[in-house]
């Protein structure tokens, strides 16, 4: 599972840092906001610079028992919406690996 998560992050150009001692990965994702159409023709008005939306998160794999593991996703800082989107993409892409269940902890 750990190597599949690393491959997924690498394939989707998400910056990540794996832990040397534990099954933990810190990741950082960014997204530029969409261009706003203000009804003016291009070139007449220069758009102000917009902030980049970013999130810093952590993925931790924990052993539950001999046949089960827990993959914990947590947001450390940044956009909660971007974190939610990244979590959903990872969950959907890796769902075929096992009989995973999603259990929110809030």
PDB file of N, CA and C in Angstrom:
ATOM      1  N   UNK A   1       0.830  -1.189   0.000  1.00  0.00           N
ATOM      2  CA  UNK A   1       0.000   0.000   0.000  1.00  0.00           C
ATOM      3  C   UNK A   1       0.877   1.256   0.000  1.00  0.00           C
ATOM      4  N   UNK A   2       1.941   1.250   0.800  1.00  0.00           N
ATOM      5  CA  UNK A   2       2.816   2.417   0.906  1.00  0.00           C
ATOM      6  C   UNK A   2       3.424   2.769  -0.456  1.00  0.00           C
ATOM      7  N   UNK A   3       3.920   1.753  -1.170  1.00  0.00           N
ATOM      8  CA  UNK A   3       4.525   2.021  -2.479  1.00  0.00           C
ATOM      9  C   UNK A   3       3.481   2.488  -3.494  1.00  0.00           C
ATOM     10  N   UNK A   4       2.255   1.963  -3.394  1.00  0.00           N
ATOM     11  CA  UNK A   4       1.185   2.409  -4.301  1.00  0.00           C
ATOM     12  C   UNK A   4       0.847   3.879  -4.055  1.00  0.00           C
ATOM     13  N   UNK A   5       0.822   4.290  -2.794  1.00  0.00           N
ATOM     14  CA  UNK A   5       0.567   5.701  -2.482  1.00  0.00           C
ATOM     15  C   UNK A   5       1.680   6.589  -3.027  1.00  0.00           C
ATOM     16  N   UNK A   6       2.926   6.162  -2.875  1.00  0.00           N
ATOM     17  CA  UNK A   6       4.053   6.935  -3.407  1.00  0.00           C
ATOM     18  C   UNK A   6       3.975   7.049  -4.928  1.00  0.00           C
ATOM     19  N   UNK A   7       3.643   5.938  -5.584  1.00  0.00           N
ATOM     20  CA  UNK A   7       3.499   5.958  -7.045  1.00  0.00           C
ATOM     21  C   UNK A   7       2.383   6.895  -7.476  1.00  0.00           C
ATOM     22  N   UNK A   8       1.264   6.856  -6.761  1.00  0.00           N
ATOM     23  CA  UNK A   8       0.135   7.718  -7.093  1.00  0.00           C
ATOM     24  C   UNK A   8       0.531   9.188  -6.988  1.00  0.00           C
ATOM     25  N   UNK A   9       1.164   9.564  -5.885  1.00  0.00           N
ATOM     26  CA  UNK A   9       1.572  10.955  -5.686  1.00  0.00           C
ATOM     27  C   UNK A   9       2.557  11.396  -6.759  1.00  0.00           C
ATOM     28  N   UNK A  10       3.501  10.532  -7.096  1.00  0.00           N
ATOM     29  CA  UNK A  10       4.483  10.853  -8.130  1.00  0.00           C
ATOM     30  C   UNK A  10       3.815  11.006  -9.498  1.00  0.00           C
ATOM     31  N   UNK A  11       2.916  10.081  -9.840  1.00  0.00           N
ATOM     32  CA  UNK A  11       2.228  10.121 -11.136  1.00  0.00           C
ATOM     33  C   UNK A  11       1.363  11.368 -11.298  1.00  0.00           C
ATOM     34  N   UNK A  12       0.845  11.908 -10.197  1.00  0.00           N
ATOM     35  CA  UNK A  12      -0.042  13.072 -10.249  1.00  0.00           C
ATOM     36  C   UNK A  12       0.669  14.379  -9.876  1.00  0.00           C
ATOM     37  N   UNK A  13       2.000  14.357  -9.930  1.00  0.00           N
ATOM     38  CA  UNK A  13       2.833  15.538  -9.678  1.00  0.00           C
ATOM     39  C   UNK A  13       2.494  16.231  -8.364  1.00  0.00           C
ATOM     40  N   UNK A  14       2.277  15.438  -7.328  1.00  0.00           N
ATOM     41  CA  UNK A  14       2.042  15.975  -5.985  1.00  0.00           C
ATOM     42  C   UNK A  14       3.339  15.835  -5.215  1.00  0.00           C
ATOM     43  N   UNK A  15       3.835  16.935  -4.679  1.00  0.00           N
ATOM     44  CA  UNK A  15       5.081  16.912  -3.921  1.00  0.00           C
ATOM     45  C   UNK A  15       4.878  16.097  -2.650  1.00  0.00           C
ATOM     46  N   UNK A  16       5.833  15.222  -2.342  1.00  0.00           N
ATOM     47  CA  UNK A  16       5.699  14.394  -1.150  1.00  0.00           C
ATOM     48  C   UNK A  16       7.058  14.140  -0.503  1.00  0.00           C
ATOM     49  N   UNK A  17       7.023  13.827   0.781  1.00  0.00           N
ATOM     50  CA  UNK A  17       8.214  13.489   1.541  1.00  0.00           C
ATOM     51  C   UNK A  17       7.889  12.283   2.420  1.00  0.00           C
ATOM     52  N   UNK A  18       8.457  11.114   2.086  1.00  0.00           N
ATOM     53  CA  UNK A  18       8.197   9.944   2.934  1.00  0.00           C
ATOM     54  C   UNK A  18       9.082   9.981   4.178  1.00  0.00           C
ATOM     55  N   UNK A  19       8.593   9.401   5.263  1.00  0.00           N
ATOM     56  CA  UNK A  19       9.355   9.304   6.494  1.00  0.00           C
ATOM     57  C   UNK A  19      10.405   8.196   6.365  1.00  0.00           C
ATOM     58  N   UNK A  20      11.546   8.386   7.000  1.00  0.00           N
ATOM     59  CA  UNK A  20      12.597   7.368   6.982  1.00  0.00           C
ATOM     60  C   UNK A  20      12.320   6.235   7.960  1.00  0.00           C
ATOM     61  N   UNK A  21      11.576   6.518   9.026  1.00  0.00           N
ATOM     62  CA  UNK A  21      11.384   5.541  10.102  1.00  0.00           C
ATOM     63  C   UNK A  21       9.995   4.915  10.134  1.00  0.00           C
ATOM     64  N   UNK A  22       8.979   5.643   9.663  1.00  0.00           N
ATOM     65  CA  UNK A  22       7.596   5.189   9.807  1.00  0.00           C
ATOM     66  C   UNK A  22       6.917   5.151   8.452  1.00  0.00           C
ATOM     67  N   UNK A  23       5.756   4.555   8.396  1.00  0.00           N
ATOM     68  CA  UNK A  23       4.962   4.535   7.173  1.00  0.00           C
ATOM     69  C   UNK A  23       4.110   5.799   7.124  1.00  0.00           C
ATOM     70  N   UNK A  24       4.793   6.938   6.957  1.00  0.00           N
ATOM     71  CA  UNK A  24       4.134   8.235   6.883  1.00  0.00           C
ATOM     72  C   UNK A  24       4.635   8.985   5.655  1.00  0.00           C
ATOM     73  N   UNK A  25       3.726   9.741   5.069  1.00  0.00           N
ATOM     74  CA  UNK A  25       4.061  10.568   3.910  1.00  0.00           C
ATOM     75  C   UNK A  25       3.448  11.943   4.135  1.00  0.00           C
ATOM     76  N   UNK A  26       4.254  12.972   4.033  1.00  0.00           N
ATOM     77  CA  UNK A  26       3.714  14.332   4.015  1.00  0.00           C
ATOM     78  C   UNK A  26       3.622  14.747   2.559  1.00  0.00           C
ATOM     79  N   UNK A  27       2.529  15.412   2.207  1.00  0.00           N
ATOM     80  CA  UNK A  27       2.378  15.840   0.816  1.00  0.00           C
ATOM     81  C   UNK A  27       1.902  17.285   0.768  1.00  0.00           C
ATOM     82  N   UNK A  28       2.206  17.920  -0.361  1.00  0.00           N
ATOM     83  CA  UNK A  28       1.795  19.300  -0.597  1.00  0.00           C
ATOM     84  C   UNK A  28       1.251  19.392  -2.012  1.00  0.00           C
ATOM     85  N   UNK A  29       0.047  19.910  -2.131  1.00  0.00           N
ATOM     86  CA  UNK A  29      -0.590  20.069  -3.436  1.00  0.00           C
ATOM     87  C   UNK A  29      -0.977  21.530  -3.608  1.00  0.00           C
ATOM     88  N   UNK A  30      -0.904  21.989  -4.850  1.00  0.00           N
ATOM     89  CA  UNK A  30      -1.256  23.371  -5.162  1.00  0.00           C
ATOM     90  C   UNK A  30      -2.189  23.405  -6.362  1.00  0.00           C
ATOM     91  N   UNK A  31      -2.953  24.489  -6.426  1.00  0.00           N
ATOM     92  CA  UNK A  31      -3.849  24.693  -7.567  1.00  0.00           C
ATOM     93  C   UNK A  31      -3.981  26.191  -7.800  1.00  0.00           C
ATOM     94  N   UNK A  32      -3.846  26.572  -9.056  1.00  0.00           N
ATOM     95  CA  UNK A  32      -4.071  27.964  -9.422  1.00  0.00           C
ATOM     96  C   UNK A  32      -5.567  28.162  -9.603  1.00  0.00           C
ATOM     97  N   UNK A  33      -6.103  29.278  -9.124  1.00  0.00           N
ATOM     98  CA  UNK A  33      -7.532  29.526  -9.328  1.00  0.00           C
ATOM     99  C   UNK A  33      -7.835  29.734 -10.810  1.00  0.00           C
ATOM    100  N   UNK A  34      -9.063  29.400 -11.189  1.00  0.00           N
ATOM    101  CA  UNK A  34      -9.474  29.579 -12.582  1.00  0.00           C
ATOM    102  C   UNK A  34      -9.495  31.060 -12.932  1.00  0.00           C
ATOM    103  N   UNK A  35      -9.264  31.356 -14.211  1.00  0.00           N
ATOM    104  CA  UNK A  35      -9.320  32.732 -14.684  1.00  0.00           C
ATOM    105  C   UNK A  35     -10.753  33.242 -14.585  1.00  0.00           C
ATOM    106  N   UNK A  36     -10.899  34.417 -14.051  1.00  0.00           N
ATOM    107  CA  UNK A  36     -12.223  35.015 -13.890  1.00  0.00           C
ATOM    108  C   UNK A  36     -12.566  35.805 -15.145  1.00  0.00           C
ATOM    109  N   UNK A  37     -13.729  35.523 -15.714  1.00  0.00           N
ATOM    110  CA  UNK A  37     -14.185  36.247 -16.887  1.00  0.00           C
ATOM    111  C   UNK A  37     -14.983  37.458 -16.414  1.00  0.00           C
ATOM    112  N   UNK A  38     -14.384  38.651 -16.604  1.00  0.00           N
ATOM    113  CA  UNK A  38     -15.055  39.863 -16.128  1.00  0.00           C
ATOM    114  C   UNK A  38     -15.851  40.560 -17.228  1.00  0.00           C
ATOM    115  N   UNK A  39     -15.987  39.913 -18.390  1.00  0.00           N
ATOM    116  CA  UNK A  39     -16.773  40.491 -19.477  1.00  0.00           C
ATOM    117  C   UNK A  39     -15.985  41.431 -20.371  1.00  0.00           C
ATOM    118  N   UNK A  40     -14.774  41.734 -19.996  1.00  0.00           N
ATOM    119  CA  UNK A  40     -13.933  42.630 -20.795  1.00  0.00           C
ATOM    120  C   UNK A  40     -13.106  41.795 -21.772  1.00  0.00           C
ATOM    121  N   UNK A  41     -12.716  42.425 -22.869  1.00  0.00           N
ATOM    122  CA  UNK A  41     -11.867  41.739 -23.834  1.00  0.00           C
ATOM    123  C   UNK A  41     -10.471  41.591 -23.261  1.00  0.00           C
ATOM    124  N   UNK A  42      -9.766  40.553 -23.710  1.00  0.00           N
ATOM    125  CA  UNK A  42      -8.405  40.322 -23.239  1.00  0.00           C
ATOM    126  C   UNK A  42      -7.500  41.468 -23.655  1.00  0.00           C
ATOM    127  N   UNK A  43      -6.583  41.817 -22.767  1.00  0.00           N
ATOM    128  CA  UNK A  43      -5.620  42.857 -23.082  1.00  0.00           C
ATOM    129  C   UNK A  43      -6.003  44.237 -22.602  1.00  0.00           C
ATOM    130  N   UNK A  44      -7.265  44.508 -22.350  1.00  0.00           N
ATOM    131  CA  UNK A  44      -7.678  45.835 -21.906  1.00  0.00           C
ATOM    132  C   UNK A  44      -7.368  46.058 -20.437  1.00  0.00           C
ATOM    133  N   UNK A  45      -7.613  45.041 -19.607  1.00  0.00           N
ATOM    134  CA  UNK A  45      -7.359  45.161 -18.175  1.00  0.00           C
ATOM    135  C   UNK A  45      -6.441  44.035 -17.738  1.00  0.00           C
ATOM    136  N   UNK A  46      -5.478  44.390 -16.948  1.00  0.00           N
ATOM    137  CA  UNK A  46      -4.586  43.384 -16.411  1.00  0.00           C
ATOM    138  C   UNK A  46      -5.191  42.853 -15.118  1.00  0.00           C
ATOM    139  N   UNK A  47      -5.319  41.537 -15.016  1.00  0.00           N
ATOM    140  CA  UNK A  47      -5.904  40.941 -13.815  1.00  0.00           C
ATOM    141  C   UNK A  47      -4.914  41.007 -12.662  1.00  0.00           C
ATOM    142  N   UNK A  48      -5.386  41.259 -11.466  1.00  0.00           N
ATOM    143  CA  UNK A  48      -4.482  41.223 -10.318  1.00  0.00           C
ATOM    144  C   UNK A  48      -4.013  39.796 -10.071  1.00  0.00           C
ATOM    145  N   UNK A  49      -2.834  39.656  -9.480  1.00  0.00           N
ATOM    146  CA  UNK A  49      -2.316  38.336  -9.172  1.00  0.00           C
ATOM    147  C   UNK A  49      -3.218  37.659  -8.142  1.00  0.00           C
ATOM    148  N   UNK A  50      -3.496  36.393  -8.369  1.00  0.00           N
ATOM    149  CA  UNK A  50      -4.352  35.647  -7.458  1.00  0.00           C
ATOM    150  C   UNK A  50      -3.507  34.659  -6.665  1.00  0.00           C
ATOM    151  N   UNK A  51      -3.892  34.435  -5.448  1.00  0.00           N
ATOM    152  CA  UNK A  51      -3.163  33.520  -4.592  1.00  0.00           C
ATOM    153  C   UNK A  51      -3.340  32.080  -5.058  1.00  0.00           C
ATOM    154  N   UNK A  52      -2.308  31.304  -4.863  1.00  0.00           N
ATOM    155  CA  UNK A  52      -2.360  29.888  -5.176  1.00  0.00           C
ATOM    156  C   UNK A  52      -3.025  29.167  -4.011  1.00  0.00           C
ATOM    157  N   UNK A  53      -3.966  28.286  -4.317  1.00  0.00           N
ATOM    158  CA  UNK A  53      -4.607  27.484  -3.282  1.00  0.00           C
ATOM    159  C   UNK A  53      -3.702  26.284  -3.011  1.00  0.00           C
ATOM    160  N   UNK A  54      -3.376  26.034  -1.744  1.00  0.00           N
ATOM    161  CA  UNK A  54      -2.482  24.933  -1.424  1.00  0.00           C
ATOM    162  C   UNK A  54      -2.947  24.205  -0.173  1.00  0.00           C
ATOM    163  N   UNK A  55      -2.433  22.992  -0.022  1.00  0.00           N
ATOM    164  CA  UNK A  55      -2.746  22.185   1.150  1.00  0.00           C
ATOM    165  C   UNK A  55      -1.506  21.373   1.528  1.00  0.00           C
ATOM    166  N   UNK A  56      -1.305  21.209   2.812  1.00  0.00           N
ATOM    167  CA  UNK A  56      -0.256  20.360   3.353  1.00  0.00           C
ATOM    168  C   UNK A  56      -0.951  19.261   4.133  1.00  0.00           C
ATOM    169  N   UNK A  57      -0.676  18.019   3.776  1.00  0.00           N
ATOM    170  CA  UNK A  57      -1.370  16.907   4.413  1.00  0.00           C
ATOM    171  C   UNK A  57      -0.424  15.794   4.796  1.00  0.00           C
ATOM    172  N   UNK A  58      -0.976  14.808   5.476  1.00  0.00           N
ATOM    173  CA  UNK A  58      -0.198  13.664   5.934  1.00  0.00           C
ATOM    174  C   UNK A  58      -0.998  12.393   5.694  1.00  0.00           C
ATOM    175  N   UNK A  59      -0.300  11.357   5.246  1.00  0.00           N
ATOM    176  CA  UNK A  59      -0.875  10.026   5.092  1.00  0.00           C
ATOM    177  C   UNK A  59      -0.067   9.103   5.991  1.00  0.00           C
ATOM    178  N   UNK A  60      -0.767   8.366   6.841  1.00  0.00           N
ATOM    179  CA  UNK A  60      -0.087   7.467   7.768  1.00  0.00           C
ATOM    180  C   UNK A  60      -0.734   6.083   7.685  1.00  0.00           C
ATOM    181  N   UNK A  61       0.100   5.061   7.571  1.00  0.00           N
ATOM    182  CA  UNK A  61      -0.392   3.689   7.516  1.00  0.00           C
ATOM    183  C   UNK A  61      -0.114   3.035   8.865  1.00  0.00           C
ATOM    184  N   UNK A  62      -1.160   2.471   9.453  1.00  0.00           N
ATOM    185  CA  UNK A  62      -1.043   1.836  10.764  1.00  0.00           C
ATOM    186  C   UNK A  62      -1.572   0.413  10.684  1.00  0.00           C
ATOM    187  N   UNK A  63      -0.938  -0.478  11.413  1.00  0.00           N
ATOM    188  CA  UNK A  63      -1.380  -1.864  11.460  1.00  0.00           C
ATOM    189  C   UNK A  63      -2.485  -2.000  12.504  1.00  0.00           C
ATOM    190  N   UNK A  64      -3.613  -2.560  12.106  1.00  0.00           N
ATOM    191  CA  UNK A  64      -4.736  -2.779  13.017  1.00  0.00           C
ATOM    192  C   UNK A  64      -4.620  -4.175  13.624  1.00  0.00           C
ATOM    193  N   UNK A  65      -4.484  -5.172  12.761  1.00  0.00           N
ATOM    194  CA  UNK A  65      -4.245  -6.549  13.202  1.00  0.00           C
ATOM    195  C   UNK A  65      -3.506  -7.262  12.082  1.00  0.00           C
ATOM    196  N   UNK A  66      -3.443  -8.571  12.130  1.00  0.00           N
ATOM    197  CA  UNK A  66      -2.668  -9.323  11.141  1.00  0.00           C
ATOM    198  C   UNK A  66      -3.214  -9.234   9.722  1.00  0.00           C
ATOM    199  N   UNK A  67      -4.484  -8.927   9.574  1.00  0.00           N
ATOM    200  CA  UNK A  67      -5.088  -8.907   8.244  1.00  0.00           C
ATOM    201  C   UNK A  67      -5.608  -7.536   7.820  1.00  0.00           C
ATOM    202  N   UNK A  68      -5.434  -6.525   8.666  1.00  0.00           N
ATOM    203  CA  UNK A  68      -6.039  -5.231   8.366  1.00  0.00           C
ATOM    204  C   UNK A  68      -5.071  -4.082   8.690  1.00  0.00           C
ATOM    205  N   UNK A  69      -5.093  -3.069   7.813  1.00  0.00           N
ATOM    206  CA  UNK A  69      -4.333  -1.845   8.062  1.00  0.00           C
ATOM    207  C   UNK A  69      -5.288  -0.657   8.014  1.00  0.00           C
ATOM    208  N   UNK A  70      -4.845   0.436   8.589  1.00  0.00           N
ATOM    209  CA  UNK A  70      -5.601   1.688   8.559  1.00  0.00           C
ATOM    210  C   UNK A  70      -4.753   2.721   7.833  1.00  0.00           C
ATOM    211  N   UNK A  71      -5.338   3.393   6.856  1.00  0.00           N
ATOM    212  CA  UNK A  71      -4.656   4.476   6.154  1.00  0.00           C
ATOM    213  C   UNK A  71      -5.341   5.768   6.584  1.00  0.00           C
ATOM    214  N   UNK A  72      -4.608   6.580   7.326  1.00  0.00           N
ATOM    215  CA  UNK A  72      -5.143   7.805   7.908  1.00  0.00           C
ATOM    216  C   UNK A  72      -4.689   9.003   7.079  1.00  0.00           C
ATOM    217  N   UNK A  73      -5.649   9.767   6.562  1.00  0.00           N
ATOM    218  CA  UNK A  73      -5.373  10.991   5.820  1.00  0.00           C
ATOM    219  C   UNK A  73      -5.726  12.168   6.720  1.00  0.00           C
ATOM    220  N   UNK A  74      -4.811  13.111   6.871  1.00  0.00           N
ATOM    221  CA  UNK A  74      -5.117  14.285   7.687  1.00  0.00           C
ATOM    222  C   UNK A  74      -4.540  15.538   7.042  1.00  0.00           C
ATOM    223  N   UNK A  75      -5.274  16.627   7.190  1.00  0.00           N
ATOM    224  CA  UNK A  75      -4.850  17.929   6.673  1.00  0.00           C
ATOM    225  C   UNK A  75      -4.114  18.651   7.783  1.00  0.00           C
ATOM    226  N   UNK A  76      -2.880  19.083   7.482  1.00  0.00           N
ATOM    227  CA  UNK A  76      -2.083  19.793   8.477  1.00  0.00           C
ATOM    228  C   UNK A  76      -2.255  21.306   8.354  1.00  0.00           C
ATOM    229  N   UNK A  77      -2.414  21.785   7.130  1.00  0.00           N
ATOM    230  CA  UNK A  77      -2.577  23.223   6.899  1.00  0.00           C
ATOM    231  C   UNK A  77      -3.115  23.433   5.494  1.00  0.00           C
ATOM    232  N   UNK A  78      -3.680  24.606   5.271  1.00  0.00           N
ATOM    233  CA  UNK A  78      -4.121  24.972   3.937  1.00  0.00           C
ATOM    234  C   UNK A  78      -5.590  24.732   3.682  1.00  0.00           C
ATOM    235  N   UNK A  79      -5.913  24.654   2.411  1.00  0.00           N
ATOM    236  CA  UNK A  79      -7.290  24.585   1.930  1.00  0.00           C
ATOM    237  C   UNK A  79      -7.945  23.247   2.262  1.00  0.00           C
ATOM    238  N   UNK A  80      -9.042  23.303   3.000  1.00  0.00           N
ATOM    239  CA  UNK A  80      -9.766  22.073   3.315  1.00  0.00           C
ATOM    240  C   UNK A  80     -10.456  21.514   2.069  1.00  0.00           C
ATOM    241  N   UNK A  81     -10.885  22.384   1.165  1.00  0.00           N
ATOM    242  CA  UNK A  81     -11.551  21.915  -0.047  1.00  0.00           C
ATOM    243  C   UNK A  81     -10.571  21.181  -0.952  1.00  0.00           C
ATOM    244  N   UNK A  82      -9.371  21.706  -1.115  1.00  0.00           N
ATOM    245  CA  UNK A  82      -8.359  21.052  -1.943  1.00  0.00           C
ATOM    246  C   UNK A  82      -7.961  19.716  -1.312  1.00  0.00           C
ATOM    247  N   UNK A  83      -7.857  19.656   0.019  1.00  0.00           N
ATOM    248  CA  UNK A  83      -7.561  18.401   0.702  1.00  0.00           C
ATOM    249  C   UNK A  83      -8.653  17.370   0.422  1.00  0.00           C
ATOM    250  N   UNK A  84      -9.899  17.792   0.533  1.00  0.00           N
ATOM    251  CA  UNK A  84     -11.032  16.903   0.285  1.00  0.00           C
ATOM    252  C   UNK A  84     -10.991  16.350  -1.150  1.00  0.00           C
ATOM    253  N   UNK A  85     -10.675  17.204  -2.119  1.00  0.00           N
ATOM    254  CA  UNK A  85     -10.591  16.760  -3.507  1.00  0.00           C
ATOM    255  C   UNK A  85      -9.478  15.742  -3.699  1.00  0.00           C
ATOM    256  N   UNK A  86      -8.298  16.020  -3.157  1.00  0.00           N
ATOM    257  CA  UNK A  86      -7.157  15.100  -3.292  1.00  0.00           C
ATOM    258  C   UNK A  86      -7.458  13.772  -2.609  1.00  0.00           C
ATOM    259  N   UNK A  87      -8.065  13.818  -1.427  1.00  0.00           N
ATOM    260  CA  UNK A  87      -8.426  12.593  -0.715  1.00  0.00           C
ATOM    261  C   UNK A  87      -9.384  11.753  -1.556  1.00  0.00           C
ATOM    262  N   UNK A  88     -10.396  12.388  -2.131  1.00  0.00           N
ATOM    263  CA  UNK A  88     -11.369  11.651  -2.955  1.00  0.00           C
ATOM    264  C   UNK A  88     -10.720  11.029  -4.181  1.00  0.00           C
ATOM    265  N   UNK A  89      -9.802  11.755  -4.829  1.00  0.00           N
ATOM    266  CA  UNK A  89      -9.114  11.207  -5.996  1.00  0.00           C
ATOM    267  C   UNK A  89      -8.287   9.988  -5.607  1.00  0.00           C
ATOM    268  N   UNK A  90      -7.545  10.082  -4.509  1.00  0.00           N
ATOM    269  CA  UNK A  90      -6.719   8.959  -4.060  1.00  0.00           C
ATOM    270  C   UNK A  90      -7.607   7.778  -3.686  1.00  0.00           C
ATOM    271  N   UNK A  91      -8.671   8.035  -2.962  1.00  0.00           N
ATOM    272  CA  UNK A  91      -9.581   6.973  -2.524  1.00  0.00           C
ATOM    273  C   UNK A  91     -10.170   6.231  -3.725  1.00  0.00           C
ATOM    274  N   UNK A  92     -10.602   6.962  -4.736  1.00  0.00           N
ATOM    275  CA  UNK A  92     -11.206   6.330  -5.910  1.00  0.00           C
ATOM    276  C   UNK A  92     -10.182   5.531  -6.715  1.00  0.00           C
ATOM    277  N   UNK A  93      -8.990   6.102  -6.898  1.00  0.00           N
ATOM    278  CA  UNK A  93      -7.971   5.429  -7.708  1.00  0.00           C
ATOM    279  C   UNK A  93      -7.409   4.180  -7.037  1.00  0.00           C
ATOM    280  N   UNK A  94      -7.366   4.147  -5.725  1.00  0.00           N
ATOM    281  CA  UNK A  94      -6.779   3.021  -5.021  1.00  0.00           C
ATOM    282  C   UNK A  94      -7.826   2.071  -4.437  1.00  0.00           C
ATOM    283  N   UNK A  95      -9.079   2.285  -4.735  1.00  0.00           N
ATOM    284  CA  UNK A  95     -10.165   1.469  -4.167  1.00  0.00           C
ATOM    285  C   UNK A  95     -10.060   0.003  -4.577  1.00  0.00           C
ATOM    286  N   UNK A  96      -9.519  -0.265  -5.760  1.00  0.00           N
ATOM    287  CA  UNK A  96      -9.470  -1.646  -6.232  1.00  0.00           C
ATOM    288  C   UNK A  96      -8.392  -2.479  -5.532  1.00  0.00           C
ATOM    289  N   UNK A  97      -7.550  -1.848  -4.719  1.00  0.00           N
ATOM    290  CA  UNK A  97      -6.483  -2.595  -4.043  1.00  0.00           C
ATOM    291  C   UNK A  97      -7.008  -3.542  -2.971  1.00  0.00           C
ATOM    292  N   UNK A  98      -8.082  -3.177  -2.347  1.00  0.00           N
ATOM    293  CA  UNK A  98      -8.582  -4.021  -1.263  1.00  0.00           C
ATOM    294  C   UNK A  98     -10.050  -3.730  -0.999  1.00  0.00           C
ATOM    295  N   UNK A  99     -10.538  -4.287   0.078  1.00  0.00           N
ATOM    296  CA  UNK A  99     -11.920  -4.050   0.489  1.00  0.00           C
ATOM    297  C   UNK A  99     -11.978  -2.900   1.480  1.00  0.00           C
ATOM    298  N   UNK A 100     -11.438  -1.772   1.058  1.00  0.00           N
ATOM    299  CA  UNK A 100     -11.318  -0.601   1.924  1.00  0.00           C
ATOM    300  C   UNK A 100     -12.677  -0.028   2.289  1.00  0.00           C
ATOM    301  N   UNK A 101     -12.741   0.511   3.487  1.00  0.00           N
ATOM    302  CA  UNK A 101     -13.940   1.186   3.965  1.00  0.00           C
ATOM    303  C   UNK A 101     -13.543   2.594   4.388  1.00  0.00           C
ATOM    304  N   UNK A 102     -14.391   3.527   4.104  1.00  0.00           N
ATOM    305  CA  UNK A 102     -14.159   4.918   4.485  1.00  0.00           C
ATOM    306  C   UNK A 102     -14.949   5.205   5.750  1.00  0.00           C
ATOM    307  N   UNK A 103     -14.256   5.671   6.766  1.00  0.00           N
ATOM    308  CA  UNK A 103     -14.906   6.018   8.021  1.00  0.00           C
ATOM    309  C   UNK A 103     -14.447   7.408   8.453  1.00  0.00           C
ATOM    310  N   UNK A 104     -15.298   8.425   8.299  1.00  0.00           N
ATOM    311  CA  UNK A 104     -14.905   9.780   8.718  1.00  0.00           C
ATOM    312  C   UNK A 104     -14.748   9.841  10.242  1.00  0.00           C
ATOM    313  N   UNK A 105     -13.816  10.701  10.686  1.00  0.00           N
ATOM    314  CA  UNK A 105     -13.547  10.798  12.126  1.00  0.00           C
ATOM    315  C   UNK A 105     -13.895  12.168  12.679  1.00  0.00           C
ATOM    316  N   UNK A 106     -14.915  12.780  12.134  1.00  0.00           N
ATOM    317  CA  UNK A 106     -15.292  14.096  12.649  1.00  0.00           C
ATOM    318  C   UNK A 106     -16.667  14.103  13.218  1.00  0.00           C
TER     319      UNK A 106
END
